[in-house]
């Protein structure tokens, strides 16, 4: 081979190699900002990935996903969101209102899809359900009748209830509407919500538990908040120690030993988030994708926990449950 031909071939390799590198770098990056932890939400993340695969987006092949987890510490969310924004992802997927607010603060232009939000309008995530505006859209667990239904099912399961304590996180702007709806439902049902206790960070749990113990309520309701979900083991252990029946906002509590939950299907919400990511990758704008409300709800009852608490859950409620853990 002549020297000139050799130089030409080597030059071709030198040109091709940077092109291959640039092609690899062009793989779309999805940022995933989780409020709780990877082990706790693994099944939701897998539902998200599986739906992406069905839509032709395979992680590691033609798509990259960067994960960040706050481990139940909302104050870490702004830093983690900023980390993701610096990667210039095609989309950031968030869980919970605080995480979405952190992502919106990190970037006004990167599309954001929230897989789960309490009250996206009240929480300042979108302008309206039909026309979100801005760079965020997604899926909400907000339903006009959810809290009233949850409270009624709780009373059906534990008929002797009259006074119920409430745990909620006021730092999550989406939960205020849940508290208001729960209070309205309690007034209609002749129930008293007392004490209503704020838990904003991990250090607040012990004082909160002390206040509940001192008040001697008949039961406890935990309002939806994904950072609080990360501390589910502490809440469940406290309830077991005090013999308190508890209605939870996510089935993960019941899987871990809580009494009962009534909640939207998060599997459906995370699968839906993948559909919206697909649409955005194909050119859709978040402002044009309406916020979706839940259509499927599940009642889950842990019969082992009921027996440990000495509660005989009426058969009429057990037959209505979507799942009974025995």
Protein backbone atom coordinates (compact mmCIF):
# COMPACT_ATOMS: atom_id res chain seq x y z
CA UNK A 1 0.00 0.00 0.00
CA UNK A 2 1.36 3.37 -0.98
CA UNK A 3 2.08 5.99 1.69
CA UNK A 4 -0.58 8.39 0.36
CA UNK A 5 -3.29 5.68 0.53
CA UNK A 6 -2.25 4.75 4.06
CA UNK A 7 -2.51 8.35 5.21
CA UNK A 8 -5.94 8.65 3.60
CA UNK A 9 -7.21 5.50 5.35
CA UNK A 10 -5.83 6.56 8.70
CA UNK A 11 -7.38 9.96 8.22
CA UNK A 12 -10.72 8.30 7.54
CA UNK A 13 -10.47 6.39 10.81
CA UNK A 14 -9.52 9.59 12.63
CA UNK A 15 -12.59 11.29 11.20
CA UNK A 16 -14.94 8.38 11.80
CA UNK A 17 -13.96 7.91 15.44
CA UNK A 18 -14.98 11.43 16.61
CA UNK A 19 -18.20 11.09 14.62
CA UNK A 20 -18.98 7.86 16.45
CA UNK A 21 -18.25 9.54 19.77
CA UNK A 22 -20.46 12.48 18.88
CA UNK A 23 -23.26 10.09 17.85
CA UNK A 24 -22.97 8.31 21.16
CA UNK A 25 -23.13 11.64 23.02
CA UNK A 26 -26.24 12.55 21.06
CA UNK A 27 -28.20 9.80 22.85
CA UNK A 28 -31.13 11.53 24.62
CA UNK A 29 -30.71 11.86 28.37
CA UNK A 30 -33.69 11.66 30.72
CA UNK A 31 -33.25 13.07 34.20
CA UNK A 32 -35.19 11.29 36.96
CA UNK A 33 -35.61 13.16 40.25
CA UNK A 34 -37.04 10.97 43.01
CA UNK A 35 -38.23 12.31 46.34
CA UNK A 36 -37.89 9.10 48.31
CA UNK A 37 -35.45 6.25 47.53
CA UNK A 38 -34.61 3.85 44.71
CA UNK A 39 -35.49 0.62 46.63
CA UNK A 40 -38.84 2.05 47.69
CA UNK A 41 -39.87 3.14 44.20
CA UNK A 42 -38.16 0.47 42.13
CA UNK A 43 -41.46 -1.01 40.89
CA UNK A 44 -42.63 2.43 39.72
CA UNK A 45 -39.34 3.13 37.96
CA UNK A 46 -39.57 -0.27 36.29
CA UNK A 47 -43.11 0.49 35.09
CA UNK A 48 -41.76 3.75 33.66
CA UNK A 49 -38.85 1.98 31.91
CA UNK A 50 -41.05 -0.83 30.63
CA UNK A 51 -43.46 1.62 29.02
CA UNK A 52 -40.53 3.46 27.47
CA UNK A 53 -39.31 0.16 26.00
CA UNK A 54 -42.73 -0.50 24.54
CA UNK A 55 -42.51 2.91 22.87
CA UNK A 56 -39.08 2.13 21.40
CA UNK A 57 -36.85 3.85 23.98
CA UNK A 58 -34.44 1.33 25.53
CA UNK A 59 -32.27 2.50 28.41
CA UNK A 60 -28.61 1.99 27.56
CA UNK A 61 -29.25 1.51 23.85
CA UNK A 62 -30.91 4.63 22.47
CA UNK A 63 -31.71 6.41 25.72
CA UNK A 64 -29.84 7.27 28.91
CA UNK A 65 -31.50 7.87 32.30
CA UNK A 66 -29.74 9.77 35.08
CA UNK A 67 -31.26 9.12 38.52
CA UNK A 68 -31.10 11.34 41.60
CA UNK A 69 -32.82 10.44 44.90
CA UNK A 70 -33.49 12.79 47.83
CA UNK A 71 -33.99 9.92 50.31
CA UNK A 72 -36.95 11.69 51.92
CA UNK A 73 -35.02 14.95 52.44
CA UNK A 74 -36.82 17.67 50.53
CA UNK A 75 -34.05 20.18 51.22
CA UNK A 76 -31.77 18.15 48.91
CA UNK A 77 -34.11 18.49 45.93
CA UNK A 78 -32.87 21.90 44.63
CA UNK A 79 -29.26 20.69 44.56
CA UNK A 80 -30.19 17.41 42.85
CA UNK A 81 -32.40 19.20 40.32
CA UNK A 82 -29.56 21.59 39.51
CA UNK A 83 -27.24 18.61 38.96
CA UNK A 84 -29.67 17.14 36.46
CA UNK A 85 -30.19 20.47 34.69
CA UNK A 86 -26.44 20.79 34.15
CA UNK A 87 -26.56 17.55 32.16
CA UNK A 88 -28.88 19.27 29.64
CA UNK A 89 -31.40 16.38 29.56
CA UNK A 90 -34.15 16.17 26.98
CA UNK A 91 -36.70 15.79 29.81
CA UNK A 92 -36.68 15.73 33.62
CA UNK A 93 -39.16 13.33 35.24
CA UNK A 94 -40.13 14.19 38.80
CA UNK A 95 -42.13 12.62 41.63
CA UNK A 96 -44.05 14.87 44.00
CA UNK A 97 -44.70 18.61 44.05
CA UNK A 98 -41.50 19.68 45.88
CA UNK A 99 -39.34 17.84 43.36
CA UNK A 100 -41.18 19.42 40.44
CA UNK A 101 -40.84 22.89 41.95
CA UNK A 102 -37.11 22.27 42.38
CA UNK A 103 -36.82 21.19 38.74
CA UNK A 104 -38.74 24.27 37.57
CA UNK A 105 -36.41 26.46 39.60
CA UNK A 106 -33.39 24.72 38.06
CA UNK A 107 -34.58 25.33 34.49
CA UNK A 108 -37.30 27.33 32.79
CA UNK A 109 -36.73 25.61 29.45
CA UNK A 110 -36.02 21.90 30.01
CA UNK A 111 -39.33 19.97 29.68
CA UNK A 112 -40.54 18.50 32.97
CA UNK A 113 -42.97 15.60 33.40
CA UNK A 114 -44.25 15.01 36.92
CA UNK A 115 -45.27 11.38 37.42
CA UNK A 116 -47.19 12.21 40.58
CA UNK A 117 -48.33 15.52 42.03
CA UNK A 118 -50.80 16.41 44.74
CA UNK A 119 -52.29 19.65 43.44
CA UNK A 120 -50.40 20.94 40.38
CA UNK A 121 -52.42 24.15 40.06
CA UNK A 122 -52.51 25.00 43.77
CA UNK A 123 -48.86 23.98 44.07
CA UNK A 124 -47.80 26.39 41.34
CA UNK A 125 -46.67 23.77 38.83
CA UNK A 126 -49.09 24.61 36.01
CA UNK A 127 -51.53 27.33 35.05
CA UNK A 128 -54.40 24.90 34.52
CA UNK A 129 -55.05 21.22 33.86
CA UNK A 130 -56.13 21.78 30.27
CA UNK A 131 -53.39 24.27 29.39
CA UNK A 132 -50.40 23.81 31.70
CA UNK A 133 -48.29 26.57 30.17
CA UNK A 134 -44.59 26.80 30.99
CA UNK A 135 -42.28 23.81 30.81
CA UNK A 136 -44.07 21.29 33.09
CA UNK A 137 -46.97 18.89 32.78
CA UNK A 138 -47.80 15.40 33.97
CA UNK A 139 -50.02 13.39 36.25
CA UNK A 140 -51.81 14.20 39.50
CA UNK A 141 -53.24 12.12 42.31
CA UNK A 142 -55.77 14.89 42.95
CA UNK A 143 -59.39 13.81 42.76
CA UNK A 144 -62.35 15.78 44.09
CA UNK A 145 -63.75 12.83 46.05
CA UNK A 146 -60.54 11.05 47.06
CA UNK A 147 -60.16 12.28 50.64
CA UNK A 148 -63.86 11.88 51.42
CA UNK A 149 -63.81 8.36 50.01
CA UNK A 150 -60.64 7.52 51.93
CA UNK A 151 -62.16 8.75 55.20
CA UNK A 152 -65.42 6.86 54.60
CA UNK A 153 -63.59 3.60 53.89
CA UNK A 154 -61.57 4.09 57.07
CA UNK A 155 -64.75 4.52 59.10
CA UNK A 156 -66.30 1.50 57.39
CA UNK A 157 -63.27 -0.56 58.43
CA UNK A 158 -63.11 0.81 61.98
CA UNK A 159 -66.72 1.87 62.82
CA UNK A 160 -65.86 3.08 66.36
CA UNK A 161 -63.79 6.02 65.05
CA UNK A 162 -64.69 9.45 66.41
CA UNK A 163 -61.38 11.34 66.76
CA UNK A 164 -58.52 10.98 64.28
CA UNK A 165 -55.02 12.44 64.36
CA UNK A 166 -53.48 13.71 61.12
CA UNK A 167 -49.85 13.77 59.96
CA UNK A 168 -49.04 16.09 57.07
CA UNK A 169 -46.15 18.02 55.53
CA UNK A 170 -46.92 21.75 55.07
CA UNK A 171 -43.65 22.23 53.13
CA UNK A 172 -45.31 20.32 50.30
CA UNK A 173 -47.67 22.95 48.83
CA UNK A 174 -49.80 20.30 47.17
CA UNK A 175 -50.94 18.75 50.46
CA UNK A 176 -52.82 21.79 51.73
CA UNK A 177 -55.80 20.92 49.53
CA UNK A 178 -55.72 17.36 50.89
CA UNK A 179 -55.92 18.65 54.46
CA UNK A 180 -58.81 20.96 53.57
CA UNK A 181 -60.69 18.15 51.81
CA UNK A 182 -60.10 15.76 54.71
CA UNK A 183 -61.35 18.36 57.20
CA UNK A 184 -64.47 18.99 55.11
CA UNK A 185 -65.15 15.26 54.86
CA UNK A 186 -64.67 14.84 58.62
CA UNK A 187 -67.15 17.62 59.33
CA UNK A 188 -69.72 15.96 57.09
CA UNK A 189 -69.19 12.59 58.80
CA UNK A 190 -69.29 13.88 62.37
CA UNK A 191 -65.62 13.04 62.93
CA UNK A 192 -63.02 15.20 64.69
CA UNK A 193 -59.53 15.68 63.30
CA UNK A 194 -57.36 16.27 66.34
CA UNK A 195 -54.46 16.67 66.70
CA UNK A 196 -53.34 17.82 63.24
CA UNK A 197 -49.55 17.67 63.30
CA UNK A 198 -46.95 19.01 60.92
CA UNK A 199 -43.94 16.90 59.93
CA UNK A 200 -41.54 18.82 57.71
CA UNK A 201 -38.34 16.82 58.23
CA UNK A 202 -37.04 13.67 59.88
CA UNK A 203 -36.38 15.41 63.22
CA UNK A 204 -40.10 16.26 63.52
CA UNK A 205 -41.27 12.67 63.84
CA UNK A 206 -40.42 12.06 67.48
CA UNK A 207 -42.16 15.25 68.75
CA UNK A 208 -45.11 14.44 66.50
CA UNK A 209 -45.37 10.91 67.89
CA UNK A 210 -45.20 12.31 71.45
CA UNK A 211 -48.09 14.71 70.71
CA UNK A 212 -50.21 11.93 69.26
CA UNK A 213 -49.50 9.67 72.22
CA UNK A 214 -50.51 12.41 74.63
CA UNK A 215 -53.73 13.16 72.73
CA UNK A 216 -54.92 9.50 72.65
CA UNK A 217 -56.85 9.66 69.34
CA UNK A 218 -58.81 6.66 68.06
CA UNK A 219 -56.77 6.47 64.86
CA UNK A 220 -54.39 8.28 62.51
CA UNK A 221 -54.50 9.46 58.90
CA UNK A 222 -51.30 10.15 56.97
CA UNK A 223 -51.73 12.61 54.11
CA UNK A 224 -50.03 12.03 50.76
CA UNK A 225 -46.41 13.21 50.67
CA UNK A 226 -43.59 11.29 49.03
CA UNK A 227 -40.87 12.52 51.38
CA UNK A 228 -42.89 11.21 54.34
CA UNK A 229 -43.27 7.92 52.50
CA UNK A 230 -39.51 7.46 52.73
CA UNK A 231 -39.94 7.30 56.54
CA UNK A 232 -42.78 4.78 56.42
CA UNK A 233 -41.02 2.27 58.70
CA UNK A 234 -40.97 4.78 61.58
CA UNK A 235 -44.64 5.63 61.18
CA UNK A 236 -45.73 1.99 60.94
CA UNK A 237 -43.63 1.01 63.96
CA UNK A 238 -45.14 3.84 66.02
CA UNK A 239 -48.69 2.87 65.03
CA UNK A 240 -48.03 -0.77 65.98
CA UNK A 241 -46.54 0.23 69.34
CA UNK A 242 -49.52 2.44 70.20
CA UNK A 243 -52.14 0.10 68.74
CA UNK A 244 -53.36 2.80 66.35
CA UNK A 245 -55.27 1.94 63.16
CA UNK A 246 -53.98 4.09 60.31
CA UNK A 247 -55.29 4.98 56.86
CA UNK A 248 -52.41 5.59 54.44
CA UNK A 249 -52.20 7.42 51.10
CA UNK A 250 -49.94 4.85 49.37
CA UNK A 251 -50.10 1.06 49.28
CA UNK A 252 -46.36 0.83 50.11
CA UNK A 253 -47.29 1.53 53.72
CA UNK A 254 -49.64 -1.45 53.75
CA UNK A 255 -47.11 -3.72 52.08
CA UNK A 256 -44.75 -2.82 54.93
CA UNK A 257 -47.29 -3.60 57.66
CA UNK A 258 -49.71 -0.66 57.71
CA UNK A 259 -53.43 -1.29 58.12
CA UNK A 260 -55.04 0.05 54.95
CA UNK A 261 -54.66 2.41 52.02
CA UNK A 262 -56.88 3.86 49.35
CA UNK A 263 -54.95 5.43 46.52
CA UNK A 264 -54.64 5.96 42.79
CA UNK A 265 -52.60 3.41 40.84
CA UNK A 266 -49.08 4.80 40.78
CA UNK A 267 -48.10 2.14 38.25
CA UNK A 268 -50.54 3.76 35.81
CA UNK A 269 -49.22 7.24 36.62
CA UNK A 270 -45.58 6.32 36.03
CA UNK A 271 -46.48 4.47 32.83
CA UNK A 272 -48.33 7.59 31.73
CA UNK A 273 -45.25 9.69 32.46
CA UNK A 274 -43.32 7.51 29.99
CA UNK A 275 -45.98 8.21 27.35
CA UNK A 276 -45.53 11.95 27.88
CA UNK A 277 -41.74 11.60 27.71
CA UNK A 278 -42.16 9.81 24.37
CA UNK A 279 -44.37 12.63 23.07
CA UNK A 280 -41.85 15.27 24.14
CA UNK A 281 -38.95 13.39 22.55
CA UNK A 282 -40.99 13.43 19.34
CA UNK A 283 -41.46 17.18 19.50
CA UNK A 284 -44.47 17.87 21.74
CA UNK A 285 -44.29 20.76 24.21
CA UNK A 286 -45.30 20.35 27.88
CA UNK A 287 -47.50 23.45 27.61
CA UNK A 288 -49.67 21.61 25.08
CA UNK A 289 -50.01 18.34 27.03
CA UNK A 290 -52.90 18.49 29.53
CA UNK A 291 -52.41 17.34 33.11
CA UNK A 292 -53.99 13.91 33.59
CA UNK A 293 -56.04 12.90 36.64
CA UNK A 294 -56.21 9.34 38.02
CA UNK A 295 -58.89 6.95 36.78
CA UNK A 296 -58.02 3.82 38.77
CA UNK A 297 -58.01 3.55 42.58
CA UNK A 298 -57.18 0.62 44.85
CA UNK A 299 -58.23 -0.29 48.40
CA UNK A 300 -55.61 -2.49 50.08
CA UNK A 301 -56.13 -3.97 53.56
CA UNK A 302 -53.55 -5.78 55.67
CA UNK A 303 -55.58 -8.38 57.57
CA UNK A 304 -52.55 -9.49 59.61
CA UNK A 305 -52.18 -5.96 60.95
CA UNK A 306 -55.91 -5.73 61.64
CA UNK A 307 -55.77 -8.90 63.74
CA UNK A 308 -52.71 -7.63 65.61
CA UNK A 309 -54.65 -4.45 66.43
CA UNK A 310 -57.70 -6.44 67.50
CA UNK A 311 -59.79 -5.00 64.66
CA UNK A 312 -62.41 -7.17 63.01
CA UNK A 313 -62.65 -5.63 59.56
CA UNK A 314 -66.27 -6.06 58.35
CA UNK A 315 -66.70 -8.63 55.60
CA UNK A 316 -68.64 -6.05 53.63
CA UNK A 317 -65.43 -4.00 53.34
CA UNK A 318 -63.14 -6.95 52.68
CA UNK A 319 -65.14 -7.95 49.62
CA UNK A 320 -64.78 -4.40 48.28
CA UNK A 321 -60.99 -4.41 48.70
CA UNK A 322 -58.84 -4.73 45.61
CA UNK A 323 -56.29 -6.67 47.65
CA UNK A 324 -56.28 -8.26 51.10
CA UNK A 325 -52.91 -9.14 52.62
CA UNK A 326 -53.24 -12.19 54.89
